[in-house]
C-alpha atoms as a PDB file:
ATOM      1  CA  MET A   1      65.999 124.514  62.570  1.00  0.00           C
ATOM      2  CA  LEU A   2      69.799 123.612  62.786  1.00  0.00           C
ATOM      3  CA  LEU A   3      70.884 120.324  61.279  1.00  0.00           C
ATOM      4  CA  THR A   4      71.637 118.318  63.245  1.00  0.00           C
ATOM      5  CA  PRO A   5      75.832 116.798  62.702  1.00  0.00           C
ATOM      6  CA  THR A   6      76.062 113.956  60.083  1.00  0.00           C
ATOM      7  CA  THR A   7      79.075 111.827  58.856  1.00  0.00           C
ATOM      8  CA  ALA A   8      80.465 114.912  57.824  1.00  0.00           C
ATOM      9  CA  ILE A   9      84.041 115.598  58.887  1.00  0.00           C
ATOM     10  CA  LEU A  10      83.963 119.258  58.413  1.00  0.00           C
ATOM     11  CA  GLU A  11      79.687 121.647  57.852  1.00  0.00           C
ATOM     12  CA  THR A  12      78.303 124.462  58.592  1.00  0.00           C
ATOM     13  CA  ASP A  13      74.442 125.321  58.817  1.00  0.00           C
ATOM     14  CA  HIS A  14      73.609 128.619  57.811  1.00  0.00           C
ATOM     15  CA  LEU A  15      76.306 130.608  58.831  1.00  0.00           C
ATOM     16  CA  SER A  16      76.580 134.216  58.766  1.00  0.00           C
ATOM     17  CA  ARG A  17      79.007 137.063  60.292  1.00  0.00           C
ATOM     18  CA  GLU A  18      78.158 141.174  60.813  1.00  0.00           C
ATOM     19  CA  VAL A  19      80.662 144.126  61.181  1.00  0.00           C
ATOM     20  CA  ALA A  20      78.711 147.317  61.782  1.00  0.00           C
ATOM     21  CA  GLY A  21      76.164 146.464  60.508  1.00  0.00           C
ATOM     22  CA  VAL A  22      76.658 144.456  57.076  1.00  0.00           C
ATOM     23  CA  ARG A  23      76.331 140.783  56.531  1.00  0.00           C
ATOM     24  CA  ILE A  24      80.135 139.559  55.700  1.00  0.00           C
ATOM     25  CA  VAL A  25      79.964 136.317  55.508  1.00  0.00           C
ATOM     26  CA  ASP A  26      76.216 135.486  54.941  1.00  0.00           C
ATOM     27  CA  ASN A  27      73.852 131.563  56.030  1.00  0.00           C
ATOM     28  CA  VAL A  28      76.010 130.093  53.948  1.00  0.00           C
ATOM     29  CA  THR A  29      75.987 125.926  54.256  1.00  0.00           C
ATOM     30  CA  VAL A  30      78.479 124.030  52.665  1.00  0.00           C
ATOM     31  CA  THR A  31      79.437 120.447  53.690  1.00  0.00           C
ATOM     32  CA  VAL A  32      82.213 119.507  53.292  1.00  0.00           C
ATOM     33  CA  PRO A  33      83.271 115.623  53.392  1.00  0.00           C
ATOM     34  CA  THR A  34      86.647 113.768  54.539  1.00  0.00           C
ATOM     35  CA  GLY A  35      89.525 113.471  52.876  1.00  0.00           C
ATOM     36  CA  ARG A  36      88.042 116.488  50.416  1.00  0.00           C
ATOM     37  CA  VAL A  37      89.587 118.963  49.044  1.00  0.00           C
ATOM     38  CA  LEU A  38      87.134 122.470  48.840  1.00  0.00           C
ATOM     39  CA  VAL A  39      88.595 125.536  47.559  1.00  0.00           C
ATOM     40  CA  VAL A  40      86.314 128.712  47.224  1.00  0.00           C
ATOM     41  CA  VAL A  41      86.657 131.592  44.366  1.00  0.00           C
ATOM     42  CA  GLY A  42      84.871 134.616  44.385  1.00  0.00           C
ATOM     43  CA  PRO A  43      85.937 138.811  43.339  1.00  0.00           C
ATOM     44  CA  SER A  44      87.685 140.034  46.822  1.00  0.00           C
ATOM     45  CA  GLY A  45      85.905 141.353  49.375  1.00  0.00           C
ATOM     46  CA  ALA A  46      83.089 138.808  48.487  1.00  0.00           C
ATOM     47  CA  GLY A  47      83.916 136.736  52.591  1.00  0.00           C
ATOM     48  CA  LYS A  48      85.977 133.550  51.613  1.00  0.00           C
ATOM     49  CA  SER A  49      89.039 134.963  53.652  1.00  0.00           C
ATOM     50  CA  SER A  50      86.438 135.644  56.426  1.00  0.00           C
ATOM     51  CA  PHE A  51      84.441 132.265  56.237  1.00  0.00           C
ATOM     52  CA  LEU A  52      87.398 130.460  56.138  1.00  0.00           C
ATOM     53  CA  ARG A  53      88.474 132.168  59.690  1.00  0.00           C
ATOM     54  CA  LEU A  54      84.928 131.188  60.922  1.00  0.00           C
ATOM     55  CA  LEU A  55      85.767 127.375  60.421  1.00  0.00           C
ATOM     56  CA  ASN A  56      88.441 127.759  63.510  1.00  0.00           C
ATOM     57  CA  ARG A  57      86.861 130.009  65.523  1.00  0.00           C
ATOM     58  CA  LEU A  58      89.343 132.944  64.348  1.00  0.00           C
ATOM     59  CA  ASP A  59      86.180 135.184  64.662  1.00  0.00           C
ATOM     60  CA  GLU A  60      83.093 133.924  65.819  1.00  0.00           C
ATOM     61  CA  PRO A  61      79.473 133.902  64.019  1.00  0.00           C
ATOM     62  CA  THR A  62      76.961 135.562  64.433  1.00  0.00           C
ATOM     63  CA  SER A  63      74.236 133.195  64.033  1.00  0.00           C
ATOM     64  CA  GLY A  64      74.291 129.699  61.944  1.00  0.00           C
ATOM     65  CA  ALA A  65      76.665 126.290  63.207  1.00  0.00           C
ATOM     66  CA  VAL A  66      79.685 124.966  62.334  1.00  0.00           C
ATOM     67  CA  TRP A  67      79.686 120.787  62.913  1.00  0.00           C
ATOM     68  CA  PHE A  68      83.756 119.405  64.087  1.00  0.00           C
ATOM     69  CA  GLU A  69      83.604 115.980  63.721  1.00  0.00           C
ATOM     70  CA  GLY A  70      79.674 114.723  64.190  1.00  0.00           C
ATOM     71  CA  HIS A  71      80.102 118.050  67.491  1.00  0.00           C
ATOM     72  CA  ASP A  72      78.827 122.431  67.632  1.00  0.00           C
ATOM     73  CA  TYR A  73      82.002 123.372  67.243  1.00  0.00           C
ATOM     74  CA  ARG A  74      82.067 125.754  70.601  1.00  0.00           C
ATOM     75  CA  GLN A  75      81.353 122.106  72.862  1.00  0.00           C
ATOM     76  CA  ILE A  76      85.859 122.141  71.924  1.00  0.00           C
ATOM     77  CA  PRO A  77      88.236 124.855  73.439  1.00  0.00           C
ATOM     78  CA  PRO A  78      89.611 126.895  70.934  1.00  0.00           C
ATOM     79  CA  ARG A  79      92.626 126.141  71.176  1.00  0.00           C
ATOM     80  CA  GLU A  80      91.717 122.599  70.788  1.00  0.00           C
ATOM     81  CA  LEU A  81      89.918 123.482  67.749  1.00  0.00           C
ATOM     82  CA  ARG A  82      92.606 125.457  66.163  1.00  0.00           C
ATOM     83  CA  ARG A  83      95.515 121.854  66.220  1.00  0.00           C
ATOM     84  CA  ARG A  84      92.135 120.221  64.389  1.00  0.00           C
ATOM     85  CA  VAL A  85      91.353 122.879  61.971  1.00  0.00           C
ATOM     86  CA  GLY A  86      95.143 123.850  61.102  1.00  0.00           C
ATOM     87  CA  MET A  87      95.387 127.413  58.932  1.00  0.00           C
ATOM     88  CA  VAL A  88      98.509 128.113  56.472  1.00  0.00           C
ATOM     89  CA  THR A  89      97.893 132.108  56.231  1.00  0.00           C
ATOM     90  CA  GLN A  90      98.621 134.401  53.107  1.00  0.00           C
ATOM     91  CA  THR A  91     102.193 135.585  54.942  1.00  0.00           C
ATOM     92  CA  ALA A  92     103.924 133.369  56.817  1.00  0.00           C
ATOM     93  CA  TYR A  93     103.521 135.105  60.153  1.00  0.00           C
ATOM     94  CA  LEU A  94     106.477 132.881  62.022  1.00  0.00           C
ATOM     95  CA  PHE A  95     108.538 133.827  65.819  1.00  0.00           C
ATOM     96  CA  PRO A  96     112.082 134.574  65.846  1.00  0.00           C
ATOM     97  CA  GLY A  97     113.533 131.098  65.764  1.00  0.00           C
ATOM     98  CA  THR A  98     114.799 128.569  64.404  1.00  0.00           C
ATOM     99  CA  LEU A  99     112.778 126.516  62.291  1.00  0.00           C
ATOM    100  CA  ALA A 100     112.639 123.664  65.343  1.00  0.00           C
ATOM    101  CA  ASP A 101     111.220 126.645  67.331  1.00  0.00           C
ATOM    102  CA  ASN A 102     109.124 127.657  65.433  1.00  0.00           C
ATOM    103  CA  LEU A 103     107.565 123.572  64.659  1.00  0.00           C
ATOM    104  CA  ARG A 104     107.888 122.616  68.630  1.00  0.00           C
ATOM    105  CA  PHE A 105     105.606 126.311  69.667  1.00  0.00           C
ATOM    106  CA  GLY A 106     101.488 124.444  68.777  1.00  0.00           C
ATOM    107  CA  PRO A 107     102.538 121.368  70.578  1.00  0.00           C
ATOM    108  CA  LEU A 108     104.231 122.745  73.586  1.00  0.00           C
ATOM    109  CA  GLN A 109     100.602 123.905  73.822  1.00  0.00           C
ATOM    110  CA  HIS A 110      99.511 120.831  74.960  1.00  0.00           C
ATOM    111  CA  GLY A 111     102.802 119.436  76.489  1.00  0.00           C
ATOM    112  CA  ILE A 112     103.703 117.952  73.427  1.00  0.00           C
ATOM    113  CA  GLU A 113     107.743 118.080  73.265  1.00  0.00           C
ATOM    114  CA  LEU A 114     108.188 117.110  69.540  1.00  0.00           C
ATOM    115  CA  PRO A 115     111.299 115.385  69.166  1.00  0.00           C
ATOM    116  CA  ALA A 116     113.770 116.209  67.122  1.00  0.00           C
ATOM    117  CA  ARG A 117     113.538 112.491  65.590  1.00  0.00           C
ATOM    118  CA  THR A 118     109.750 114.444  64.252  1.00  0.00           C
ATOM    119  CA  ILE A 119     110.754 117.862  63.269  1.00  0.00           C
ATOM    120  CA  ASP A 120     113.592 116.296  60.610  1.00  0.00           C
ATOM    121  CA  ALA A 121     110.888 114.411  59.123  1.00  0.00           C
ATOM    122  CA  LEU A 122     108.566 116.845  59.238  1.00  0.00           C
ATOM    123  CA  LEU A 123     110.967 119.452  58.141  1.00  0.00           C
ATOM    124  CA  THR A 124     112.078 117.082  55.232  1.00  0.00           C
ATOM    125  CA  GLU A 125     108.459 116.108  54.372  1.00  0.00           C
ATOM    126  CA  VAL A 126     108.315 120.523  53.051  1.00  0.00           C
ATOM    127  CA  GLY A 127     111.703 120.558  51.656  1.00  0.00           C
ATOM    128  CA  LEU A 128     113.455 122.176  54.175  1.00  0.00           C
ATOM    129  CA  GLU A 129     115.947 118.565  55.361  1.00  0.00           C
ATOM    130  CA  GLY A 130     118.890 118.955  58.270  1.00  0.00           C
ATOM    131  CA  ARG A 131     117.518 123.243  58.487  1.00  0.00           C
ATOM    132  CA  SER A 132     115.883 123.070  62.516  1.00  0.00           C
ATOM    133  CA  ARG A 133     118.629 124.967  63.388  1.00  0.00           C
ATOM    134  CA  GLU A 134     118.651 127.747  60.846  1.00  0.00           C
ATOM    135  CA  ASP A 135     116.635 130.823  62.115  1.00  0.00           C
ATOM    136  CA  VAL A 136     113.612 131.922  60.621  1.00  0.00           C
ATOM    137  CA  ALA A 137     115.120 135.656  60.034  1.00  0.00           C
ATOM    138  CA  HIS A 138     116.787 134.025  56.958  1.00  0.00           C
ATOM    139  CA  LEU A 139     114.454 132.450  55.110  1.00  0.00           C
ATOM    140  CA  SER A 140     112.674 133.238  51.522  1.00  0.00           C
ATOM    141  CA  GLY A 141     108.390 133.694  51.176  1.00  0.00           C
ATOM    142  CA  GLY A 142     108.619 130.061  49.555  1.00  0.00           C
ATOM    143  CA  GLU A 143     110.923 128.650  51.998  1.00  0.00           C
ATOM    144  CA  ALA A 144     108.584 130.459  55.186  1.00  0.00           C
ATOM    145  CA  GLN A 145     105.110 129.557  53.793  1.00  0.00           C
ATOM    146  CA  ARG A 146     107.081 125.571  54.096  1.00  0.00           C
ATOM    147  CA  VAL A 147     107.494 126.281  57.550  1.00  0.00           C
ATOM    148  CA  SER A 148     104.618 127.708  57.706  1.00  0.00           C
ATOM    149  CA  LEU A 149     102.897 124.365  56.369  1.00  0.00           C
ATOM    150  CA  ALA A 150     104.886 122.249  58.995  1.00  0.00           C
ATOM    151  CA  ARG A 151     104.294 124.325  61.567  1.00  0.00           C
ATOM    152  CA  ALA A 152     100.204 123.109  60.945  1.00  0.00           C
ATOM    153  CA  LEU A 153     101.641 119.665  60.247  1.00  0.00           C
ATOM    154  CA  ALA A 154     103.479 120.001  63.456  1.00  0.00           C
ATOM    155  CA  ASN A 155     100.160 119.671  65.335  1.00  0.00           C
ATOM    156  CA  GLU A 156      98.364 116.486  62.988  1.00  0.00           C
ATOM    157  CA  PRO A 157      95.353 118.421  63.098  1.00  0.00           C
ATOM    158  CA  ALA A 158      92.575 116.697  60.869  1.00  0.00           C
ATOM    159  CA  VAL A 159      92.159 119.003  58.489  1.00  0.00           C
ATOM    160  CA  LEU A 160      93.549 121.928  56.735  1.00  0.00           C
ATOM    161  CA  LEU A 161      92.198 126.034  55.670  1.00  0.00           C
ATOM    162  CA  LEU A 162      94.856 127.795  53.536  1.00  0.00           C
ATOM    163  CA  ASP A 163      94.206 131.427  52.753  1.00  0.00           C
ATOM    164  CA  GLU A 164      95.534 132.368  49.900  1.00  0.00           C
ATOM    165  CA  PRO A 165      98.460 130.910  50.648  1.00  0.00           C
ATOM    166  CA  THR A 166     100.793 131.478  47.358  1.00  0.00           C
ATOM    167  CA  SER A 167      99.382 135.006  46.499  1.00  0.00           C
ATOM    168  CA  SER A 168     102.341 136.601  48.150  1.00  0.00           C
ATOM    169  CA  LEU A 169     105.334 134.572  46.553  1.00  0.00           C
ATOM    170  CA  ASP A 170     106.697 135.491  43.369  1.00  0.00           C
ATOM    171  CA  ALA A 171     105.423 133.302  40.401  1.00  0.00           C
ATOM    172  CA  GLU A 172     108.037 130.482  40.719  1.00  0.00           C
ATOM    173  CA  ALA A 173     107.634 129.627  44.410  1.00  0.00           C
ATOM    174  CA  LYS A 174     104.445 129.831  43.539  1.00  0.00           C
ATOM    175  CA  ASP A 175     104.316 126.324  41.819  1.00  0.00           C
ATOM    176  CA  GLU A 176     106.808 125.302  43.613  1.00  0.00           C
ATOM    177  CA  ILE A 177     104.383 126.238  47.174  1.00  0.00           C
ATOM    178  CA  GLU A 178     101.033 124.566  45.401  1.00  0.00           C
ATOM    179  CA  LYS A 179     102.492 121.470  44.152  1.00  0.00           C
ATOM    180  CA  LEU A 180     104.219 121.306  47.571  1.00  0.00           C
ATOM    181  CA  ILE A 181     100.653 121.553  49.609  1.00  0.00           C
ATOM    182  CA  LEU A 182      98.980 119.034  46.597  1.00  0.00           C
ATOM    183  CA  GLY A 183     100.953 116.495  47.696  1.00  0.00           C
ATOM    184  CA  VAL A 184     101.443 116.651  51.242  1.00  0.00           C
ATOM    185  CA  VAL A 185      97.140 116.993  51.699  1.00  0.00           C
ATOM    186  CA  ARG A 186      96.057 114.443  49.733  1.00  0.00           C
ATOM    187  CA  ARG A 187      98.546 112.111  50.628  1.00  0.00           C
ATOM    188  CA  LYS A 188      97.632 112.332  53.719  1.00  0.00           C
ATOM    189  CA  GLN A 189      94.322 112.643  53.110  1.00  0.00           C
ATOM    190  CA  PHE A 190      93.626 115.929  54.650  1.00  0.00           C
ATOM    191  CA  THR A 191      90.463 117.702  54.177  1.00  0.00           C
ATOM    192  CA  CYS A 192      90.653 120.809  52.812  1.00  0.00           C
ATOM    193  CA  VAL A 193      89.736 124.176  52.434  1.00  0.00           C
ATOM    194  CA  MET A 194      91.770 125.919  50.474  1.00  0.00           C
ATOM    195  CA  VAL A 195      91.291 130.225  49.844  1.00  0.00           C
ATOM    196  CA  SER A 196      92.088 130.934  45.926  1.00  0.00           C
ATOM    197  CA  HIS A 197      91.053 134.564  43.422  1.00  0.00           C
ATOM    198  CA  ASP A 198      92.770 131.942  40.849  1.00  0.00           C
ATOM    199  CA  LEU A 199      90.803 129.742  39.665  1.00  0.00           C
ATOM    200  CA  SER A 200      92.733 128.097  37.234  1.00  0.00           C
ATOM    201  CA  GLN A 201      94.742 127.200  40.722  1.00  0.00           C
ATOM    202  CA  ALA A 202      91.618 126.513  41.637  1.00  0.00           C
ATOM    203  CA  ALA A 203      91.547 123.695  39.221  1.00  0.00           C
ATOM    204  CA  ARG A 204      94.094 121.988  40.054  1.00  0.00           C
ATOM    205  CA  VAL A 205      93.850 121.910  43.793  1.00  0.00           C
ATOM    206  CA  ALA A 206      89.870 121.437  44.520  1.00  0.00           C
ATOM    207  CA  ASP A 207      88.010 118.298  44.112  1.00  0.00           C
ATOM    208  CA  GLN A 208      85.020 120.553  44.732  1.00  0.00           C
ATOM    209  CA  ILE A 209      84.686 124.258  44.001  1.00  0.00           C
ATOM    210  CA  MET A 210      82.486 127.140  45.653  1.00  0.00           C
ATOM    211  CA  VAL A 211      81.620 130.602  43.639  1.00  0.00           C
ATOM    212  CA  MET A 212      81.349 133.256  47.192  1.00  0.00           C
ATOM    213  CA  ASN A 213      80.293 136.772  46.150  1.00  0.00           C
ATOM    214  CA  LYS A 214      79.002 139.332  48.592  1.00  0.00           C
ATOM    215  CA  GLY A 215      79.119 137.478  51.256  1.00  0.00           C
ATOM    216  CA  ARG A 216      76.701 134.730  50.208  1.00  0.00           C
ATOM    217  CA  VAL A 217      77.601 131.356  48.479  1.00  0.00           C
ATOM    218  CA  THR A 218      76.597 131.684  44.008  1.00  0.00           C
ATOM    219  CA  LYS A 219      76.882 127.916  43.053  1.00  0.00           C
ATOM    220  CA  ILE A 220      78.686 125.184  44.975  1.00  0.00           C
ATOM    221  CA  GLY A 221      79.627 121.835  42.531  1.00  0.00           C
ATOM    222  CA  ALA A 222      82.240 119.798  41.072  1.00  0.00           C
ATOM    223  CA  VAL A 223      84.868 121.640  39.487  1.00  0.00           C
ATOM    224  CA  SER A 224      83.862 121.277  35.805  1.00  0.00           C
ATOM    225  CA  GLU A 225      80.686 122.605  36.458  1.00  0.00           C
ATOM    226  CA  VAL A 226      82.073 125.828  37.775  1.00  0.00           C
ATOM    227  CA  ILE A 227      84.839 126.221  36.002  1.00  0.00           C
ATOM    228  CA  ASN A 228      82.880 125.647  32.607  1.00  0.00           C
ATOM    229  CA  ALA A 229      80.107 128.973  33.968  1.00  0.00           C
ATOM    230  CA  GLU A 230      80.840 131.861  32.718  1.00  0.00           C
ATOM    231  CA  GLY A 231      81.017 134.867  35.443  1.00  0.00           C
ATOM    232  CA  VAL A 232      81.765 132.558  38.103  1.00  0.00           C
ATOM    233  CA  LEU A 233      84.559 135.597  39.544  1.00  0.00           C
ATOM    234  CA  GLN A 234      82.318 138.818  37.898  1.00  0.00           C
END
């Protein structure tokens, strides 16, 4: 029987996804309290990114449910859901054009024209002040990821999903983007679910850590509890 919704902003109830007869996400039940950061870790192929994609219906679950703000998310139009549950991926997939063009895109899908001052404020938020007219083709990897974050923020999400947002960057850019993301999340008190292959990063960022293996949750708890467990990434 499915859980009844609670006041938590995001919950999953026995969430599963099966592909070609294999359960890549298997019976995951978790609650993400408002304003908290859940980091999902585990070995390669554990189902971390597949779980994340289920949270805003980029993929559809085979069974189980997701509750967003107390509602079964299947009752919310997918485009509206993805506006409210924003996502930053491992690689910044930007649209051709300027930084401003990229930030305007999401709100335009909902009939909202972002004014220049809002675009400037968003770019300042991610350390790209005064660069709204610059073409995205000229950006470094770290700069492109900053634009990707600003583009997600432009939709005024309630939840941010982060799929290994620093893993494709060099060490210097990785450190900068991690600090930037954590600063934005804490300042705006976002609810956040982040996938990471780096347990030390999880320890720096998370309020709670969830360990996955073969699609299932093997451990979930406070950072100190999970970090001190032996073999959590085996």
